[in-house]
N, C-alpha and C. Protein backbone atom coordinates (compact mmCIF):
# COMPACT_ATOMS: atom_id res chain seq x y z
N UNK A 1 54.98 37.47 -29.89
CA UNK A 1 56.31 37.40 -30.53
C UNK A 1 56.26 36.47 -31.74
N UNK A 2 57.09 36.80 -32.74
CA UNK A 2 57.08 36.00 -33.93
C UNK A 2 57.57 34.52 -33.83
N UNK A 3 57.24 33.79 -34.82
CA UNK A 3 57.72 32.42 -34.81
C UNK A 3 58.89 32.41 -35.91
N UNK A 4 59.73 31.43 -35.78
CA UNK A 4 60.90 31.29 -36.71
C UNK A 4 60.35 31.20 -38.14
N UNK A 5 59.30 30.48 -38.37
CA UNK A 5 58.76 30.35 -39.78
C UNK A 5 58.51 31.70 -40.34
N UNK A 6 57.96 32.66 -39.63
CA UNK A 6 57.72 34.01 -40.20
C UNK A 6 59.02 34.69 -40.58
N UNK A 7 60.02 34.57 -39.77
CA UNK A 7 61.30 35.17 -40.11
C UNK A 7 61.98 34.61 -41.36
N UNK A 8 61.87 33.27 -41.50
CA UNK A 8 62.43 32.65 -42.71
C UNK A 8 61.75 33.03 -43.90
N UNK A 9 60.39 33.27 -43.83
CA UNK A 9 59.63 33.57 -45.01
C UNK A 9 60.06 35.07 -45.45
N UNK A 10 60.35 35.92 -44.51
CA UNK A 10 60.79 37.27 -44.85
C UNK A 10 62.15 37.36 -45.42
N UNK A 11 63.06 36.40 -45.02
CA UNK A 11 64.41 36.39 -45.56
C UNK A 11 64.47 36.10 -47.05
N UNK A 12 63.59 35.21 -47.45
CA UNK A 12 63.71 34.77 -48.85
C UNK A 12 64.86 33.84 -49.06
N UNK A 13 65.02 33.41 -50.33
CA UNK A 13 66.08 32.47 -50.69
C UNK A 13 67.48 33.07 -50.65
N UNK A 14 68.43 32.36 -50.26
CA UNK A 14 69.82 32.75 -50.32
C UNK A 14 70.55 31.70 -51.12
N UNK A 15 71.61 32.10 -51.75
CA UNK A 15 72.41 31.19 -52.56
C UNK A 15 73.85 30.93 -51.92
N UNK A 16 73.78 30.60 -50.64
CA UNK A 16 74.99 30.46 -49.89
C UNK A 16 75.17 29.00 -49.44
N UNK A 17 74.82 28.07 -50.24
CA UNK A 17 75.06 26.62 -49.93
C UNK A 17 76.23 26.15 -50.67
N UNK A 18 77.11 25.48 -49.93
CA UNK A 18 78.31 24.91 -50.57
C UNK A 18 78.44 23.40 -50.18
N UNK A 19 79.16 22.63 -50.91
CA UNK A 19 79.53 21.31 -50.60
C UNK A 19 80.67 21.19 -49.61
N UNK A 20 80.75 20.13 -48.89
CA UNK A 20 81.75 20.02 -47.85
C UNK A 20 83.25 20.08 -48.44
N UNK A 21 83.36 19.73 -49.64
CA UNK A 21 84.69 19.67 -50.26
C UNK A 21 85.04 21.01 -50.89
N UNK A 22 84.24 22.04 -50.79
CA UNK A 22 84.47 23.38 -51.35
C UNK A 22 85.68 24.02 -50.65
N UNK A 23 86.64 24.53 -51.37
CA UNK A 23 87.74 25.24 -50.71
C UNK A 23 87.18 26.51 -49.93
N UNK A 24 87.79 26.82 -48.85
CA UNK A 24 87.48 27.91 -48.03
C UNK A 24 87.45 29.18 -48.81
N UNK A 25 88.37 29.40 -49.73
CA UNK A 25 88.42 30.69 -50.43
C UNK A 25 87.16 30.82 -51.36
N UNK A 26 86.72 29.71 -51.97
CA UNK A 26 85.48 29.71 -52.78
C UNK A 26 84.28 30.09 -51.89
N UNK A 27 84.28 29.47 -50.66
CA UNK A 27 83.13 29.81 -49.76
C UNK A 27 83.13 31.29 -49.36
N UNK A 28 84.28 31.84 -49.09
CA UNK A 28 84.39 33.20 -48.76
C UNK A 28 83.97 34.10 -49.81
N UNK A 29 84.28 33.75 -51.06
CA UNK A 29 83.81 34.48 -52.20
C UNK A 29 82.26 34.55 -52.26
N UNK A 30 81.66 33.39 -51.98
CA UNK A 30 80.15 33.31 -51.99
C UNK A 30 79.59 34.17 -50.84
N UNK A 31 80.25 34.10 -49.69
CA UNK A 31 79.80 34.92 -48.57
C UNK A 31 79.83 36.44 -48.91
N UNK A 32 80.87 36.85 -49.57
CA UNK A 32 80.98 38.23 -49.93
C UNK A 32 79.99 38.64 -50.99
N UNK A 33 79.81 37.71 -51.96
CA UNK A 33 78.76 38.11 -53.03
C UNK A 33 77.32 38.18 -52.49
N UNK A 34 77.09 37.34 -51.44
CA UNK A 34 75.73 37.29 -50.93
C UNK A 34 75.60 38.29 -49.72
N UNK A 35 76.68 38.87 -49.31
CA UNK A 35 76.77 39.76 -48.19
C UNK A 35 76.21 39.05 -46.91
N UNK A 36 76.69 37.93 -46.66
CA UNK A 36 76.38 37.12 -45.53
C UNK A 36 77.69 36.73 -44.79
N UNK A 37 77.53 36.38 -43.52
CA UNK A 37 78.72 36.07 -42.68
C UNK A 37 78.84 34.52 -42.52
N UNK A 38 78.18 33.76 -43.31
CA UNK A 38 78.20 32.31 -43.21
C UNK A 38 77.71 31.65 -44.48
N UNK A 39 78.18 30.36 -44.68
CA UNK A 39 77.63 29.51 -45.84
C UNK A 39 77.08 28.30 -45.12
N UNK A 40 76.07 27.70 -45.67
CA UNK A 40 75.52 26.47 -45.27
C UNK A 40 76.28 25.30 -46.00
N UNK A 41 76.69 24.27 -45.21
CA UNK A 41 77.42 23.20 -45.79
C UNK A 41 76.46 22.01 -45.93
N UNK A 42 76.31 21.55 -47.22
CA UNK A 42 75.37 20.46 -47.53
C UNK A 42 76.00 19.53 -48.54
N UNK A 43 75.76 18.22 -48.36
CA UNK A 43 76.12 17.19 -49.39
C UNK A 43 74.87 16.47 -49.63
N UNK A 44 74.52 16.28 -50.92
CA UNK A 44 73.37 15.52 -51.28
C UNK A 44 72.09 15.93 -50.56
N UNK A 45 71.86 17.28 -50.48
CA UNK A 45 70.70 17.78 -49.77
C UNK A 45 70.63 17.49 -48.30
N UNK A 46 71.76 17.10 -47.77
CA UNK A 46 71.88 16.75 -46.25
C UNK A 46 72.63 17.88 -45.56
N UNK A 47 72.04 18.56 -44.62
CA UNK A 47 72.67 19.59 -43.83
C UNK A 47 73.83 18.96 -43.08
N UNK A 48 74.97 19.56 -43.10
CA UNK A 48 76.19 19.08 -42.44
C UNK A 48 76.65 20.10 -41.26
N UNK A 49 76.41 21.45 -41.61
CA UNK A 49 76.89 22.48 -40.71
C UNK A 49 77.00 23.79 -41.41
N UNK A 50 77.65 24.69 -40.79
CA UNK A 50 77.86 26.04 -41.36
C UNK A 50 79.38 26.37 -41.24
N UNK A 51 79.87 27.17 -42.20
CA UNK A 51 81.13 27.86 -42.06
C UNK A 51 80.86 29.31 -41.96
N UNK A 52 81.43 29.90 -40.85
CA UNK A 52 81.17 31.28 -40.65
C UNK A 52 82.50 32.06 -40.78
N UNK A 53 82.40 33.42 -40.75
CA UNK A 53 83.57 34.25 -40.70
C UNK A 53 84.45 33.88 -39.50
N UNK A 54 83.78 33.55 -38.37
CA UNK A 54 84.44 33.28 -37.13
C UNK A 54 85.33 31.83 -37.40
N UNK A 55 84.68 30.96 -37.99
CA UNK A 55 85.43 29.65 -38.26
C UNK A 55 86.61 30.04 -39.12
N UNK A 56 86.50 30.82 -40.05
CA UNK A 56 87.60 31.17 -40.97
C UNK A 56 88.74 31.84 -40.15
N UNK A 57 88.39 32.84 -39.37
CA UNK A 57 89.47 33.62 -38.66
C UNK A 57 90.10 32.73 -37.59
N UNK A 58 89.37 31.93 -36.90
CA UNK A 58 89.89 31.04 -35.86
C UNK A 58 90.60 29.83 -36.26
N UNK A 59 90.14 29.24 -37.33
CA UNK A 59 90.65 27.90 -37.78
C UNK A 59 91.48 27.94 -39.00
N UNK A 60 91.53 29.03 -39.67
CA UNK A 60 92.40 29.15 -40.92
C UNK A 60 93.43 30.27 -40.62
N UNK A 61 92.94 31.54 -40.56
CA UNK A 61 93.94 32.64 -40.43
C UNK A 61 94.87 32.45 -39.20
N UNK A 62 94.25 32.29 -38.02
CA UNK A 62 95.05 32.20 -36.80
C UNK A 62 95.95 31.00 -36.64
N UNK A 63 95.56 29.99 -37.51
CA UNK A 63 96.44 28.77 -37.40
C UNK A 63 97.38 28.61 -38.56
N UNK A 64 97.46 29.64 -39.45
CA UNK A 64 98.40 29.68 -40.50
C UNK A 64 98.11 28.79 -41.66
N UNK A 65 96.84 28.35 -41.75
CA UNK A 65 96.36 27.45 -42.78
C UNK A 65 96.13 28.34 -44.09
N UNK A 66 95.92 27.67 -45.19
CA UNK A 66 95.62 28.35 -46.45
C UNK A 66 94.20 28.17 -46.90
N UNK A 67 93.59 29.24 -47.25
CA UNK A 67 92.19 29.21 -47.59
C UNK A 67 91.86 28.58 -48.93
N UNK A 68 92.96 28.47 -49.78
CA UNK A 68 92.74 27.79 -51.10
C UNK A 68 93.02 26.25 -51.01
N UNK A 69 93.59 25.82 -49.98
CA UNK A 69 93.84 24.40 -49.75
C UNK A 69 93.05 23.69 -48.64
N UNK A 70 92.39 24.46 -47.89
CA UNK A 70 91.59 23.99 -46.78
C UNK A 70 90.09 23.93 -47.28
N UNK A 71 89.46 22.82 -46.95
CA UNK A 71 88.01 22.68 -47.32
C UNK A 71 87.08 23.18 -46.15
N UNK A 72 85.84 23.61 -46.51
CA UNK A 72 84.94 23.97 -45.47
C UNK A 72 84.66 22.85 -44.45
N UNK A 73 84.67 21.61 -44.91
CA UNK A 73 84.43 20.52 -44.03
C UNK A 73 85.51 20.49 -42.86
N UNK A 74 86.71 20.87 -43.12
CA UNK A 74 87.80 20.89 -42.14
C UNK A 74 87.63 21.96 -41.04
N UNK A 75 86.83 23.01 -41.32
CA UNK A 75 86.71 24.11 -40.38
C UNK A 75 85.24 24.42 -39.93
N UNK A 76 84.32 23.76 -40.63
CA UNK A 76 82.86 24.13 -40.31
C UNK A 76 82.49 23.85 -38.90
N UNK A 77 81.38 24.39 -38.45
CA UNK A 77 80.77 24.13 -37.18
C UNK A 77 79.61 23.21 -37.43
N UNK A 78 79.62 22.05 -36.76
CA UNK A 78 78.60 21.03 -37.09
C UNK A 78 77.72 20.80 -35.82
N UNK A 79 78.07 21.28 -34.74
CA UNK A 79 77.36 20.94 -33.42
C UNK A 79 76.46 22.07 -32.89
N UNK A 80 75.78 22.71 -33.81
CA UNK A 80 74.84 23.82 -33.43
C UNK A 80 73.57 23.27 -32.84
N UNK A 81 72.96 23.88 -31.88
CA UNK A 81 71.60 23.46 -31.50
C UNK A 81 70.60 23.75 -32.64
N UNK A 82 69.58 22.97 -32.74
CA UNK A 82 68.62 23.05 -33.85
C UNK A 82 67.33 23.53 -33.25
N UNK A 83 66.53 24.28 -34.13
CA UNK A 83 65.20 24.72 -33.77
C UNK A 83 64.24 24.40 -34.85
N UNK A 84 62.92 24.38 -34.52
CA UNK A 84 61.83 24.13 -35.40
C UNK A 84 61.21 25.37 -35.92
N UNK A 85 60.31 25.16 -36.90
CA UNK A 85 59.55 26.34 -37.47
C UNK A 85 58.74 27.05 -36.47
N UNK A 86 58.18 26.38 -35.58
CA UNK A 86 57.25 26.98 -34.58
C UNK A 86 57.93 27.55 -33.32
N UNK A 87 59.23 27.51 -33.31
CA UNK A 87 60.02 27.94 -32.15
C UNK A 87 59.82 29.43 -31.91
N UNK A 88 59.77 29.88 -30.64
CA UNK A 88 59.60 31.27 -30.28
C UNK A 88 60.91 31.91 -30.29
N UNK A 89 60.92 33.25 -30.65
CA UNK A 89 62.25 33.93 -30.69
C UNK A 89 62.98 33.94 -29.38
N UNK A 90 62.19 34.13 -28.33
CA UNK A 90 62.84 34.20 -26.98
C UNK A 90 63.67 32.94 -26.72
N UNK A 91 63.12 31.78 -27.10
CA UNK A 91 63.85 30.52 -26.90
C UNK A 91 65.12 30.47 -27.74
N UNK A 92 65.00 31.02 -29.00
CA UNK A 92 66.16 31.09 -29.90
C UNK A 92 67.22 31.92 -29.27
N UNK A 93 66.86 33.08 -28.69
CA UNK A 93 67.88 34.01 -28.04
C UNK A 93 68.54 33.25 -26.94
N UNK A 94 67.82 32.51 -26.11
CA UNK A 94 68.36 31.73 -25.02
C UNK A 94 69.35 30.73 -25.52
N UNK A 95 69.03 29.99 -26.46
CA UNK A 95 69.86 28.99 -27.09
C UNK A 95 71.23 29.67 -27.59
N UNK A 96 71.01 30.77 -28.28
CA UNK A 96 72.20 31.46 -28.91
C UNK A 96 73.12 31.94 -27.70
N UNK A 97 72.53 32.38 -26.73
CA UNK A 97 73.37 32.82 -25.55
C UNK A 97 74.09 31.66 -24.81
N UNK A 98 73.27 30.55 -24.54
CA UNK A 98 73.82 29.40 -23.91
C UNK A 98 74.98 28.75 -24.62
N UNK A 99 74.75 28.66 -25.95
CA UNK A 99 75.74 27.98 -26.85
C UNK A 99 76.73 28.90 -27.47
N UNK A 100 76.69 30.16 -27.15
CA UNK A 100 77.54 31.20 -27.64
C UNK A 100 77.69 31.15 -29.17
N UNK A 101 76.52 31.11 -29.83
CA UNK A 101 76.47 31.09 -31.27
C UNK A 101 75.66 32.19 -31.89
N UNK A 102 75.85 32.56 -33.07
CA UNK A 102 75.04 33.59 -33.75
C UNK A 102 74.10 32.94 -34.80
N UNK A 103 74.14 31.65 -34.87
CA UNK A 103 73.36 30.86 -35.94
C UNK A 103 72.63 29.70 -35.33
N UNK A 104 71.39 29.54 -35.86
CA UNK A 104 70.63 28.32 -35.53
C UNK A 104 70.04 27.75 -36.74
N UNK A 105 70.35 26.44 -37.07
CA UNK A 105 69.67 25.74 -38.15
C UNK A 105 68.30 25.51 -37.90
N UNK A 106 67.37 25.65 -38.81
CA UNK A 106 65.97 25.41 -38.66
C UNK A 106 65.55 24.16 -39.51
N UNK A 107 64.82 23.28 -38.76
CA UNK A 107 64.37 22.08 -39.47
C UNK A 107 62.82 21.97 -39.33
N UNK A 108 62.16 21.36 -40.30
CA UNK A 108 60.82 20.96 -40.21
C UNK A 108 60.86 19.42 -40.21
N UNK A 109 60.74 18.79 -39.03
CA UNK A 109 61.04 17.44 -38.76
C UNK A 109 62.45 17.16 -39.25
N UNK A 110 62.71 16.43 -40.33
CA UNK A 110 64.10 16.14 -40.66
C UNK A 110 64.62 17.00 -41.85
N UNK A 111 63.66 17.90 -42.42
CA UNK A 111 63.98 18.71 -43.54
C UNK A 111 64.60 20.08 -43.17
N UNK A 112 65.83 20.30 -43.70
CA UNK A 112 66.47 21.56 -43.43
C UNK A 112 65.64 22.72 -44.11
N UNK A 113 65.41 23.84 -43.40
CA UNK A 113 64.67 24.95 -43.88
C UNK A 113 65.42 26.25 -44.03
N UNK A 114 66.55 26.30 -43.29
CA UNK A 114 67.33 27.58 -43.31
C UNK A 114 68.02 27.79 -42.03
N UNK A 115 68.66 29.01 -41.97
CA UNK A 115 69.40 29.44 -40.80
C UNK A 115 68.87 30.73 -40.32
N UNK A 116 68.69 30.77 -38.96
CA UNK A 116 68.29 31.96 -38.31
C UNK A 116 69.54 32.57 -37.64
N UNK A 117 69.71 33.90 -37.81
CA UNK A 117 70.88 34.48 -37.26
C UNK A 117 70.49 35.44 -36.13
N UNK A 118 71.50 35.79 -35.31
CA UNK A 118 71.22 36.74 -34.27
C UNK A 118 70.70 38.08 -34.83
N UNK A 119 71.13 38.45 -36.03
CA UNK A 119 70.70 39.73 -36.72
C UNK A 119 69.28 39.55 -37.08
N UNK A 120 68.85 38.38 -37.51
CA UNK A 120 67.42 38.18 -37.84
C UNK A 120 66.51 38.43 -36.68
N UNK A 121 66.90 37.90 -35.52
CA UNK A 121 66.14 38.05 -34.34
C UNK A 121 66.04 39.52 -33.90
N UNK A 122 67.25 40.20 -33.92
CA UNK A 122 67.29 41.55 -33.57
C UNK A 122 66.39 42.47 -34.43
N UNK A 123 66.49 42.19 -35.74
CA UNK A 123 65.74 42.93 -36.75
C UNK A 123 64.23 42.76 -36.42
N UNK A 124 63.81 41.50 -36.10
CA UNK A 124 62.38 41.30 -35.86
C UNK A 124 61.92 42.01 -34.58
N UNK A 125 62.77 41.92 -33.54
CA UNK A 125 62.41 42.65 -32.28
C UNK A 125 62.29 44.17 -32.62
N UNK A 126 63.18 44.73 -33.26
CA UNK A 126 63.19 46.19 -33.61
C UNK A 126 61.98 46.53 -34.47
N UNK A 127 61.64 45.71 -35.35
CA UNK A 127 60.41 45.96 -36.24
C UNK A 127 59.13 46.01 -35.43
N UNK A 128 59.09 45.12 -34.40
CA UNK A 128 57.88 45.00 -33.59
C UNK A 128 57.68 46.23 -32.70
N UNK A 129 58.84 46.87 -32.38
CA UNK A 129 58.81 48.02 -31.45
C UNK A 129 58.33 49.28 -32.21
N UNK A 130 58.39 49.31 -33.55
CA UNK A 130 58.00 50.49 -34.32
C UNK A 130 56.49 50.80 -34.18
């Protein structure tokens, strides 16, 4: 089975990083232009969390807030489990299931390397079956 490092290398760079003070509407625009379901929230190269479509729908839309006056910091998810570059995919799937998340931040010691999504894991498993 693949390691997380291999999947991140295949993904390539994304331009979906926003500051915590970014309005939700601006973050949604980036998500749309990058065709992704999340943005990474960072201040001064420090990973803070992610804002996902689910965060938007549950914490803005359903609560009657406004996406142009709410910041990503107010709705982001910051308590995700973290994995390393050498993590096995099976362990990542278990973490996603236990924590009911679709995203896992990846770190090399203390350096943020990227996000692994449920779709990334599924895509890798399906490629291996070919």
